[in-house]
Amino acid sequence: MKFHLNDSMNANNIINEVLEKIKPVPAEQQKIQEVAGHIISLVDRAAAGTGLTDVSGMLVGSAARGTWISGEHDLDIFITFPEDTPEQDLKTVGLNVARQVAADADNSEERYAEHPYVHAVFDDFEVDLVPCFRVGSAAQIKSAVDRTPFHNLFILDRINGLEDDVLLLKQFMKGAGVYGSDLRTGGFSGYLAELLVIHYGSFMEVLQAADGWKPGTTIDIMEHGNRQHNDPVVMVDPTDPARNVAAALTLDRFAGFIDRARQYLDSPAVEQFLHNPAAPLSDTEFENITARRGTELLAVVFDKPNVVDDVLYPQLFMLHSSITALLSRHKFSVLNSDVWAGDGEAAVVLEMEVQYLPPVKKHAGPPVWEQSHTGKFKQKYLQNKGLSGVYIENGRYVVDVQRKYTDAADLLRNELHTCRLGRHMGESIKLGFKILQGSELLELDNQGFREFLTGFYHLNEIS
């Protein structure tokens, strides 16, 4: 059931209904504070036990700012070290403190980003224990995470009374599939959502502003930006004049948010806050859609490297770009392409507009007037007895020759090693990979992959 914005009572009913589902109740708020407080006390105790009297724990992120959505059980606990701590000590000693804290967790694992940290589970809460430097200002940061405490301070000073609007905006972005600044999603971060609400004043005013956004839109709350950015939208970080908070936001996620905002302004509905995951594509649906489109799917499949997503996806995207460039150089036309990663496997998936080419191709030589090269070219191909004689086209000598690869799958099997693989991707591919074609892709018996295929074919249409 949809409502028009002119009917403010119905619009308010929608807001109230959504908030009732996403706003943490007092018992939930108390629980998260208790868990966070317990872990911080473990950090402080572990640091003191190691003789580190100037190292302490700090809760950051949405849980610290009261802008977390009910049901989210993620906590960011920073282990803060004095600014003059040597970087190697931060890595080794900080990791040691995190390990001691994680000894009380249900389970834990070490992860690596700019520097190592520990991901642990305490009482159903997923906790990142991250060492950082306690610097005097955001301009003095020594690692990317060092600016997060300054984000905390800025938001806490201004968010009072706007928490519900932030919750609504975050949930709305989730419903639109544009929430998350991870490299796979390329969407809006929680911090960016908070800043948008602070700047425009409310959830509804953010949507009304988005209706008029265009690529290049710039927001500078503190009016201190000192660097040019070539991004769809620029939100100058209030704590760092050189940084764009929206740098991870892709053009398509930017446009997707604008589209969903317009839908809501025109005809608001509770359903627009809900994210409906793509339904897994069945065997029959796969056969029907490929038959109607008349294209062939190819997939380069290999074991997924055991690295965090922020390391995995840049390498996957680099491989994807290199593969499509290889196909293009050999005149195989790609209609659509994307990357996928599941529990144990990863893939670059390609929908081929042209997968097979004839054995013959044109090979252009030098312009007729370049005497120093023309003789060698004519002699080489006159003796070659190729698929044609030497002829002139557009002022150049040309000859028709045998194409090395007539099947895109053969090209990938034989030339994948020439692509830019990245360190972890390269190690995995060297151990083995496979090229799947057409219905062979259904051998990837993974519901996540079937859901990926639904999105790959854009079957979840914009309403």
Protein backbone atom coordinates (compact mmCIF):
# COMPACT_ATOMS: atom_id res chain seq x y z
CA MET A 1 0.00 0.00 0.00
CA LYS A 2 1.40 3.39 -1.00
CA PHE A 3 0.77 6.87 0.31
CA HIS A 4 1.20 10.38 -1.09
CA LEU A 5 3.38 12.91 0.71
CA ASN A 6 0.53 15.42 0.73
CA ASP A 7 -1.17 13.12 3.22
CA SER A 8 1.20 13.92 6.12
CA MET A 9 -0.61 11.61 8.54
CA ASN A 10 0.00 8.58 6.32
CA ALA A 11 3.59 9.68 5.69
CA ASN A 12 4.16 9.92 9.43
CA ASN A 13 2.60 6.50 9.89
CA ILE A 14 5.18 5.07 7.50
CA ILE A 15 8.02 6.71 9.41
CA ASN A 16 6.68 5.48 12.74
CA GLU A 17 6.19 1.95 11.43
CA VAL A 18 9.76 1.80 10.13
CA LEU A 19 11.22 3.26 13.32
CA GLU A 20 9.34 0.72 15.40
CA LYS A 21 11.20 -2.02 13.53
CA ILE A 22 14.69 -0.51 13.41
CA LYS A 23 15.12 1.57 16.58
CA PRO A 24 16.84 -0.34 19.38
CA VAL A 25 14.69 -0.79 22.47
CA PRO A 26 16.17 0.20 25.87
CA ALA A 27 17.06 -3.39 26.76
CA GLU A 28 19.00 -3.75 23.50
CA GLN A 29 20.76 -0.44 24.06
CA GLN A 30 21.73 -1.53 27.57
CA LYS A 31 23.03 -4.87 26.31
CA ILE A 32 25.32 -3.35 23.68
CA GLN A 33 26.74 -0.89 26.19
CA GLU A 34 27.37 -3.71 28.68
CA VAL A 35 29.18 -5.82 26.08
CA ALA A 36 31.23 -2.83 24.87
CA GLY A 37 32.09 -1.84 28.43
CA HIS A 38 33.18 -5.39 29.25
CA ILE A 39 35.47 -5.59 26.21
CA ILE A 40 37.00 -2.16 26.90
CA SER A 41 37.75 -3.28 30.46
CA LEU A 42 39.48 -6.36 29.00
CA VAL A 43 41.56 -4.11 26.75
CA ASP A 44 42.57 -1.86 29.63
CA ARG A 45 43.40 -4.86 31.83
CA ALA A 46 45.46 -6.58 29.11
CA ALA A 47 47.36 -3.36 28.41
CA ALA A 48 48.07 -2.73 32.10
CA GLY A 49 49.20 -6.33 32.53
CA THR A 50 51.73 -5.76 29.77
CA GLY A 51 52.99 -2.61 31.47
CA LEU A 52 51.22 -0.29 29.01
CA THR A 53 49.68 2.32 31.29
CA ASP A 54 49.06 4.77 28.43
CA VAL A 55 47.12 2.32 26.21
CA SER A 56 43.34 2.16 26.49
CA GLY A 57 40.22 0.88 24.77
CA MET A 58 37.64 3.08 23.04
CA LEU A 59 34.25 2.35 21.49
CA VAL A 60 33.81 4.03 18.09
CA GLY A 61 31.36 3.82 15.22
CA SER A 62 27.56 3.81 15.23
CA ALA A 63 27.32 1.99 18.58
CA ALA A 64 29.17 4.88 20.22
CA ARG A 65 27.03 7.48 18.47
CA GLY A 66 23.57 5.97 19.01
CA THR A 67 23.00 5.53 15.28
CA TRP A 68 22.98 1.73 15.02
CA ILE A 69 19.99 -0.20 13.73
CA SER A 70 18.24 -2.75 15.92
CA GLY A 71 19.60 -6.25 15.38
CA GLU A 72 23.06 -5.08 14.32
CA HIS A 73 25.61 -6.74 16.56
CA ASP A 74 28.83 -5.13 15.33
CA LEU A 75 31.24 -3.31 17.61
CA ASP A 76 34.43 -1.42 16.80
CA ILE A 77 36.78 -1.28 19.78
CA PHE A 78 39.96 0.69 19.18
CA ILE A 79 43.11 0.00 21.19
CA THR A 80 44.64 3.47 21.34
CA PHE A 81 48.40 4.00 21.61
CA PRO A 82 50.29 7.26 22.18
CA GLU A 83 51.21 9.12 19.01
CA ASP A 84 54.96 8.58 19.50
CA THR A 85 54.63 4.78 19.55
CA PRO A 86 56.82 3.23 16.83
CA GLU A 87 54.66 1.80 14.05
CA GLN A 88 56.13 -1.67 14.45
CA ASP A 89 55.28 -1.62 18.17
CA LEU A 90 51.71 -0.67 17.32
CA LYS A 91 51.48 -3.69 15.05
CA THR A 92 53.13 -6.21 17.33
CA VAL A 93 52.15 -4.98 20.80
CA GLY A 94 48.70 -3.88 19.66
CA LEU A 95 48.05 -7.26 18.11
CA ASN A 96 49.28 -8.96 21.29
CA VAL A 97 46.81 -6.94 23.40
CA ALA A 98 44.01 -7.78 20.98
CA ARG A 99 44.92 -11.48 21.17
CA GLN A 100 44.75 -11.40 24.97
CA VAL A 101 41.32 -9.78 24.85
CA ALA A 102 40.14 -12.29 22.26
CA ALA A 103 41.13 -15.15 24.59
CA ASP A 104 37.82 -14.46 26.37
CA ALA A 105 35.84 -14.48 23.11
CA ASP A 106 33.68 -17.30 21.74
CA ASN A 107 35.96 -17.39 18.69
CA SER A 108 38.38 -15.09 16.93
CA GLU A 109 40.68 -14.68 13.94
CA GLU A 110 43.44 -12.33 12.93
CA ARG A 111 42.80 -10.15 9.92
CA TYR A 112 44.97 -7.79 7.94
CA ALA A 113 44.17 -4.42 6.42
CA GLU A 114 46.57 -1.44 6.72
CA HIS A 115 47.87 -3.20 9.82
CA PRO A 116 46.77 -6.38 11.63
CA TYR A 117 43.73 -6.53 13.90
CA VAL A 118 41.57 -9.19 15.52
CA HIS A 119 37.97 -10.04 14.69
CA ALA A 120 36.22 -11.80 17.58
CA VAL A 121 32.75 -12.85 18.69
CA PHE A 122 31.60 -12.00 22.22
CA ASP A 123 28.10 -13.07 23.24
CA ASP A 124 26.81 -12.95 19.63
CA PHE A 125 28.45 -9.55 19.02
CA GLU A 126 31.01 -9.36 16.21
CA VAL A 127 33.86 -7.21 17.44
CA ASP A 128 36.84 -5.72 15.62
CA LEU A 129 39.75 -5.03 17.98
CA VAL A 130 41.81 -2.45 16.10
CA PRO A 131 45.09 -0.87 17.29
CA CYS A 132 45.43 2.81 16.40
CA PHE A 133 47.46 5.92 17.21
CA ARG A 134 46.00 8.52 19.58
CA VAL A 135 46.99 11.63 17.61
CA GLY A 136 46.37 15.28 18.40
CA SER A 137 44.34 16.06 15.28
CA ALA A 138 43.04 14.36 12.16
CA ALA A 139 45.72 16.17 10.17
CA GLN A 140 48.37 14.16 12.08
CA ILE A 141 47.02 10.66 11.46
CA LYS A 142 49.58 7.94 10.89
CA SER A 143 47.11 5.31 9.64
CA ALA A 144 43.62 5.55 8.14
CA VAL A 145 41.85 4.30 11.29
CA ASP A 146 43.38 7.09 13.40
CA ARG A 147 40.79 9.59 12.12
CA THR A 148 37.80 7.55 13.37
CA PRO A 149 37.91 8.93 16.96
CA PHE A 150 37.66 12.43 15.47
CA HIS A 151 34.61 11.32 13.48
CA ASN A 152 33.12 10.18 16.77
CA LEU A 153 33.66 13.57 18.41
CA PHE A 154 32.27 15.52 15.46
CA ILE A 155 29.09 13.44 15.20
CA LEU A 156 28.46 13.30 18.96
CA ASP A 157 28.64 17.10 19.16
CA ARG A 158 25.93 17.50 16.48
CA ILE A 159 23.76 14.38 16.27
CA ASN A 160 21.62 14.93 19.36
CA GLY A 161 17.95 14.80 18.32
CA LEU A 162 18.74 13.52 14.80
CA GLU A 163 19.45 9.88 15.65
CA ASP A 164 16.08 8.67 14.34
CA ASP A 165 16.64 10.46 11.03
CA VAL A 166 20.00 8.72 10.67
CA LEU A 167 18.36 5.34 11.36
CA LEU A 168 15.73 6.05 8.72
CA LEU A 169 18.31 7.13 6.14
CA LYS A 170 20.51 4.10 6.77
CA GLN A 171 17.56 1.71 6.49
CA PHE A 172 16.32 3.50 3.37
CA MET A 173 19.77 3.11 1.81
CA LYS A 174 19.75 -0.57 2.73
CA GLY A 175 16.38 -0.95 1.05
CA ALA A 176 17.80 0.66 -2.08
CA GLY A 177 20.86 -1.61 -2.00
CA VAL A 178 23.24 1.35 -1.79
CA TYR A 179 24.40 1.11 1.84
CA GLY A 180 27.97 0.05 2.60
CA SER A 181 31.25 1.67 1.63
CA ASP A 182 33.06 -1.64 1.24
CA LEU A 183 34.73 -2.03 -2.12
CA ARG A 184 32.25 -4.65 -3.29
CA THR A 185 29.18 -2.50 -2.62
CA GLY A 186 30.59 0.93 -3.45
CA GLY A 187 27.79 2.64 -1.54
CA PHE A 188 27.18 5.10 1.30
CA SER A 189 29.01 4.64 4.60
CA GLY A 190 27.31 5.08 7.94
CA TYR A 191 29.46 8.15 8.61
CA LEU A 192 28.37 9.66 5.28
CA ALA A 193 24.70 9.04 6.17
CA GLU A 194 25.22 10.80 9.51
CA LEU A 195 26.86 13.79 7.84
CA LEU A 196 24.07 14.07 5.27
CA VAL A 197 21.46 14.24 8.03
CA ILE A 198 23.51 16.78 9.98
CA HIS A 199 23.97 18.93 6.87
CA TYR A 200 20.40 18.84 5.52
CA GLY A 201 18.62 18.58 8.88
CA SER A 202 16.42 15.49 8.53
CA PHE A 203 15.82 12.26 6.66
CA MET A 204 13.18 13.85 4.40
CA GLU A 205 15.36 16.85 3.61
CA VAL A 206 18.16 14.51 2.50
CA LEU A 207 15.75 12.84 0.05
CA GLN A 208 14.49 16.19 -1.21
CA ALA A 209 18.07 17.37 -1.76
CA ALA A 210 18.99 14.12 -3.54
CA ASP A 211 16.22 14.76 -6.06
CA GLY A 212 18.37 17.62 -7.38
CA TRP A 213 21.80 16.01 -7.08
CA LYS A 214 24.05 15.73 -10.10
CA PRO A 215 27.56 14.27 -10.46
CA GLY A 216 29.98 16.73 -8.92
CA THR A 217 27.68 17.75 -6.07
CA THR A 218 29.89 19.06 -3.26
CA ILE A 219 29.03 19.41 0.43
CA ASP A 220 31.52 21.09 2.75
CA ILE A 221 30.01 21.43 6.21
CA MET A 222 33.05 23.19 7.69
CA GLU A 223 33.83 25.13 4.48
CA HIS A 224 37.47 24.10 4.64
CA GLY A 225 38.00 21.75 1.68
CA ASN A 226 41.43 22.18 0.08
CA ARG A 227 41.56 19.51 -2.61
CA GLN A 228 39.76 18.77 -5.88
CA HIS A 229 37.97 15.42 -6.14
CA ASN A 230 36.66 13.69 -9.25
CA ASP A 231 33.85 11.70 -7.63
CA PRO A 232 30.06 11.56 -8.16
CA VAL A 233 29.50 13.42 -4.90
CA VAL A 234 32.01 15.09 -2.59
CA MET A 235 31.43 15.26 1.16
CA VAL A 236 34.48 17.04 2.52
CA ASP A 237 35.43 15.33 5.77
CA PRO A 238 34.78 17.85 8.57
CA THR A 239 37.87 16.49 10.34
CA ASP A 240 40.17 16.39 7.29
CA PRO A 241 39.90 19.07 4.56
CA ALA A 242 41.72 16.90 2.01
CA ARG A 243 39.48 13.84 2.30
CA ASN A 244 36.23 12.99 0.49
CA VAL A 245 34.05 10.89 2.79
CA ALA A 246 32.11 9.72 -0.30
CA ALA A 247 35.20 8.55 -2.23
CA ALA A 248 34.01 4.92 -2.23
CA LEU A 249 30.58 5.81 -3.66
CA THR A 250 30.25 4.65 -7.26
CA LEU A 251 28.28 6.51 -9.92
CA ASP A 252 25.69 3.73 -10.15
CA ARG A 253 25.08 3.63 -6.37
CA PHE A 254 24.83 7.43 -6.39
CA ALA A 255 22.26 7.28 -9.19
CA GLY A 256 20.43 4.39 -7.52
CA PHE A 257 19.91 6.44 -4.38
CA ILE A 258 18.58 9.39 -6.38
CA ASP A 259 16.15 7.08 -8.19
CA ARG A 260 14.86 5.54 -4.93
CA ALA A 261 14.54 8.98 -3.30
CA ARG A 262 12.36 10.18 -6.18
CA GLN A 263 10.19 7.09 -5.89
CA TYR A 264 9.64 7.74 -2.20
CA LEU A 265 8.92 11.45 -2.66
CA ASP A 266 6.37 10.59 -5.33
CA SER A 267 4.71 7.68 -3.54
CA PRO A 268 6.13 6.66 -0.16
CA ALA A 269 5.79 3.11 1.11
CA VAL A 270 7.18 1.02 3.93
CA GLU A 271 8.40 -1.47 1.32
CA GLN A 272 10.93 1.06 0.04
CA PHE A 273 12.86 0.64 3.29
CA LEU A 274 13.10 -3.11 2.78
CA HIS A 275 15.84 -4.80 0.85
CA ASN A 276 14.59 -7.84 -1.01
CA PRO A 277 17.58 -10.03 -1.87
CA ALA A 278 17.68 -11.46 -5.34
CA ALA A 279 15.93 -14.81 -5.62
CA PRO A 280 18.27 -17.65 -6.67
CA LEU A 281 18.06 -18.31 -10.41
CA SER A 282 16.81 -21.86 -11.09
CA ASP A 283 18.17 -24.15 -13.81
CA THR A 284 15.05 -23.59 -15.90
CA GLU A 285 15.19 -19.82 -15.47
CA PHE A 286 18.87 -19.84 -16.43
CA GLU A 287 18.15 -21.82 -19.60
CA ASN A 288 15.25 -19.56 -20.53
CA ILE A 289 17.08 -16.28 -20.01
CA THR A 290 20.20 -17.37 -21.90
CA ALA A 291 18.05 -18.67 -24.77
CA ARG A 292 16.11 -15.40 -25.00
CA ARG A 293 19.26 -13.28 -24.84
CA GLY A 294 21.14 -15.48 -27.30
CA THR A 295 24.43 -14.94 -25.48
CA GLU A 296 26.89 -17.30 -23.84
CA LEU A 297 28.30 -17.05 -20.34
CA LEU A 298 31.94 -17.70 -19.57
CA ALA A 299 33.41 -17.82 -16.09
CA VAL A 300 36.99 -17.97 -14.90
CA VAL A 301 36.71 -19.87 -11.59
CA PHE A 302 39.40 -20.44 -8.97
CA ASP A 303 39.83 -20.93 -5.23
CA LYS A 304 39.09 -17.74 -3.31
CA PRO A 305 42.20 -16.42 -1.52
CA ASN A 306 41.85 -16.35 2.26
CA VAL A 307 42.02 -12.57 2.67
CA VAL A 308 39.59 -9.90 3.89
CA ASP A 309 37.20 -8.40 1.33
CA ASP A 310 39.07 -5.07 1.23
CA VAL A 311 42.08 -6.98 -0.06
CA LEU A 312 40.16 -9.50 -2.16
CA TYR A 313 37.93 -7.22 -4.21
CA PRO A 314 40.54 -4.75 -5.50
CA GLN A 315 42.45 -7.73 -6.89
CA LEU A 316 39.25 -9.27 -8.29
CA PHE A 317 38.34 -6.02 -10.01
CA MET A 318 41.88 -5.66 -11.36
CA LEU A 319 41.72 -9.19 -12.77
CA HIS A 320 38.28 -8.48 -14.23
CA SER A 321 39.55 -5.34 -15.96
CA SER A 322 42.60 -7.13 -17.32
CA ILE A 323 40.54 -10.06 -18.65
CA THR A 324 38.05 -7.81 -20.46
CA ALA A 325 40.96 -5.87 -21.97
CA LEU A 326 42.55 -9.13 -23.17
CA LEU A 327 39.28 -10.19 -24.81
CA SER A 328 38.88 -6.77 -26.42
CA ARG A 329 42.40 -6.87 -27.89
CA HIS A 330 41.52 -10.14 -29.56
CA LYS A 331 38.17 -8.72 -30.82
CA PHE A 332 35.89 -10.78 -28.57
CA SER A 333 33.02 -8.53 -27.51
CA VAL A 334 31.78 -8.62 -23.90
CA LEU A 335 28.18 -7.51 -23.28
CA ASN A 336 28.17 -7.69 -19.45
CA SER A 337 30.70 -8.76 -16.84
CA ASP A 338 31.12 -8.85 -13.06
CA VAL A 339 32.99 -10.60 -10.26
CA TRP A 340 31.68 -13.00 -7.62
CA ALA A 341 33.15 -14.52 -4.47
CA GLY A 342 31.55 -17.21 -2.32
CA ASP A 343 32.63 -19.35 0.59
CA GLY A 344 35.42 -21.17 -1.20
CA GLU A 345 35.49 -19.99 -4.81
CA ALA A 346 35.72 -16.78 -6.75
CA ALA A 347 34.97 -16.01 -10.38
CA VAL A 348 35.04 -13.44 -13.13
CA VAL A 349 31.78 -13.89 -15.07
CA LEU A 350 31.44 -12.70 -18.66
CA GLU A 351 28.40 -12.54 -20.92
CA MET A 352 29.82 -12.76 -24.40
CA GLU A 353 28.24 -10.80 -27.21
CA VAL A 354 30.78 -12.46 -29.50
CA GLN A 355 32.51 -15.63 -28.28
CA TYR A 356 33.50 -17.19 -31.60
CA LEU A 357 35.34 -15.52 -34.44
CA PRO A 358 36.25 -16.74 -37.94
CA PRO A 359 39.75 -18.11 -38.54
CA VAL A 360 40.67 -15.10 -40.69
CA LYS A 361 41.54 -11.60 -39.56
CA LYS A 362 43.02 -8.51 -41.17
CA HIS A 363 46.59 -7.61 -40.34
CA ALA A 364 47.49 -4.01 -41.18
CA GLY A 365 51.02 -3.11 -42.24
CA PRO A 366 52.78 0.22 -42.78
CA PRO A 367 51.47 3.09 -44.91
CA VAL A 368 52.50 2.74 -48.54
CA TRP A 369 54.74 5.84 -48.32
CA GLU A 370 56.91 4.47 -45.50
CA GLN A 371 59.48 2.92 -47.83
CA SER A 372 61.78 1.67 -45.09
CA HIS A 373 59.13 -0.75 -43.82
CA THR A 374 56.95 -1.60 -46.81
CA GLY A 375 59.48 -3.84 -48.54
CA LYS A 376 59.93 -6.12 -45.51
CA PHE A 377 56.17 -6.35 -44.96
CA LYS A 378 55.42 -7.28 -48.58
CA GLN A 379 58.25 -9.78 -48.74
CA LYS A 380 57.19 -11.47 -45.48
CA TYR A 381 53.57 -11.95 -46.46
CA LEU A 382 54.09 -12.69 -50.13
CA GLN A 383 56.23 -15.65 -49.02
CA ASN A 384 53.78 -16.51 -46.23
CA LYS A 385 51.07 -17.66 -48.63
CA GLY A 386 48.38 -16.63 -46.18
CA LEU A 387 44.66 -16.34 -46.65
CA SER A 388 45.04 -13.44 -49.08
CA GLY A 389 47.61 -11.52 -51.01
CA VAL A 390 48.92 -8.17 -49.87
CA TYR A 391 46.50 -5.36 -50.73
CA ILE A 392 46.01 -1.69 -49.95
CA GLU A 393 43.28 -0.33 -47.68
CA ASN A 394 43.08 3.21 -46.27
CA GLY A 395 46.60 3.89 -47.50
CA ARG A 396 48.14 0.87 -45.73
CA TYR A 397 49.31 -2.52 -46.89
CA VAL A 398 47.01 -5.17 -45.48
CA VAL A 399 46.99 -8.95 -45.49
CA ASP A 400 44.43 -11.47 -44.23
CA VAL A 401 46.03 -13.93 -41.82
CA GLN A 402 45.13 -16.86 -39.58
CA ARG A 403 43.63 -15.83 -36.23
CA LYS A 404 45.41 -17.44 -33.26
CA TYR A 405 42.26 -17.83 -31.15
CA THR A 406 38.77 -18.31 -32.57
CA ASP A 407 37.14 -19.18 -29.23
CA ALA A 408 37.22 -16.78 -26.28
CA ALA A 409 37.38 -19.71 -23.86
CA ASP A 410 40.57 -20.99 -25.52
CA LEU A 411 42.07 -17.52 -25.30
CA LEU A 412 41.40 -17.39 -21.57
CA ARG A 413 42.76 -20.90 -20.96
CA ASN A 414 46.01 -20.10 -22.71
CA GLU A 415 46.58 -16.40 -21.95
CA LEU A 416 45.12 -15.85 -18.47
CA HIS A 417 48.64 -15.86 -17.04
CA THR A 418 49.39 -12.68 -19.03
CA CYS A 419 46.67 -10.75 -17.17
CA ARG A 420 47.26 -8.61 -14.09
CA LEU A 421 46.46 -11.08 -11.34
CA GLY A 422 47.46 -9.40 -8.10
CA ARG A 423 49.49 -11.14 -5.43
CA HIS A 424 46.85 -13.31 -3.74
CA MET A 425 44.81 -13.86 -6.90
CA GLY A 426 47.94 -14.86 -8.78
CA GLU A 427 48.93 -17.40 -6.13
CA SER A 428 45.47 -18.95 -6.28
CA ILE A 429 45.25 -19.06 -10.07
CA LYS A 430 48.70 -20.61 -10.38
CA LEU A 431 47.40 -23.53 -8.32
CA GLY A 432 44.65 -24.04 -10.88
CA PHE A 433 41.58 -22.51 -12.47
CA LYS A 434 38.78 -23.61 -14.74
CA ILE A 435 36.79 -22.03 -17.55
CA LEU A 436 33.07 -22.78 -17.33
CA GLN A 437 30.74 -22.17 -20.28
CA GLY A 438 26.96 -21.87 -20.45
CA SER A 439 25.11 -24.34 -18.26
CA GLU A 440 28.44 -25.48 -16.78
CA LEU A 441 28.17 -22.42 -14.53
CA LEU A 442 25.34 -24.19 -12.72
CA GLU A 443 27.99 -26.57 -11.38
CA LEU A 444 28.76 -23.80 -8.90
CA ASP A 445 26.28 -25.30 -6.44
CA ASN A 446 25.97 -22.23 -4.30
CA GLN A 447 22.80 -20.28 -3.55
CA GLY A 448 24.81 -17.08 -3.35
CA PHE A 449 26.00 -17.61 -6.91
CA ARG A 450 22.43 -18.23 -8.11
CA GLU A 451 21.41 -14.94 -6.43
CA PHE A 452 24.38 -13.28 -8.12
CA LEU A 453 23.13 -14.51 -11.52
CA THR A 454 19.72 -12.90 -10.91
CA GLY A 455 21.46 -9.58 -10.28
CA PHE A 456 23.87 -10.17 -13.16
CA TYR A 457 20.95 -10.34 -15.59
CA HIS A 458 19.33 -7.30 -13.92
CA LEU A 459 16.16 -9.28 -13.23
CA ASN A 460 15.37 -7.15 -10.13
CA GLU A 461 14.03 -4.28 -12.17
CA ILE A 462 13.76 -0.67 -11.00
CA SER A 463 10.10 0.00 -10.22
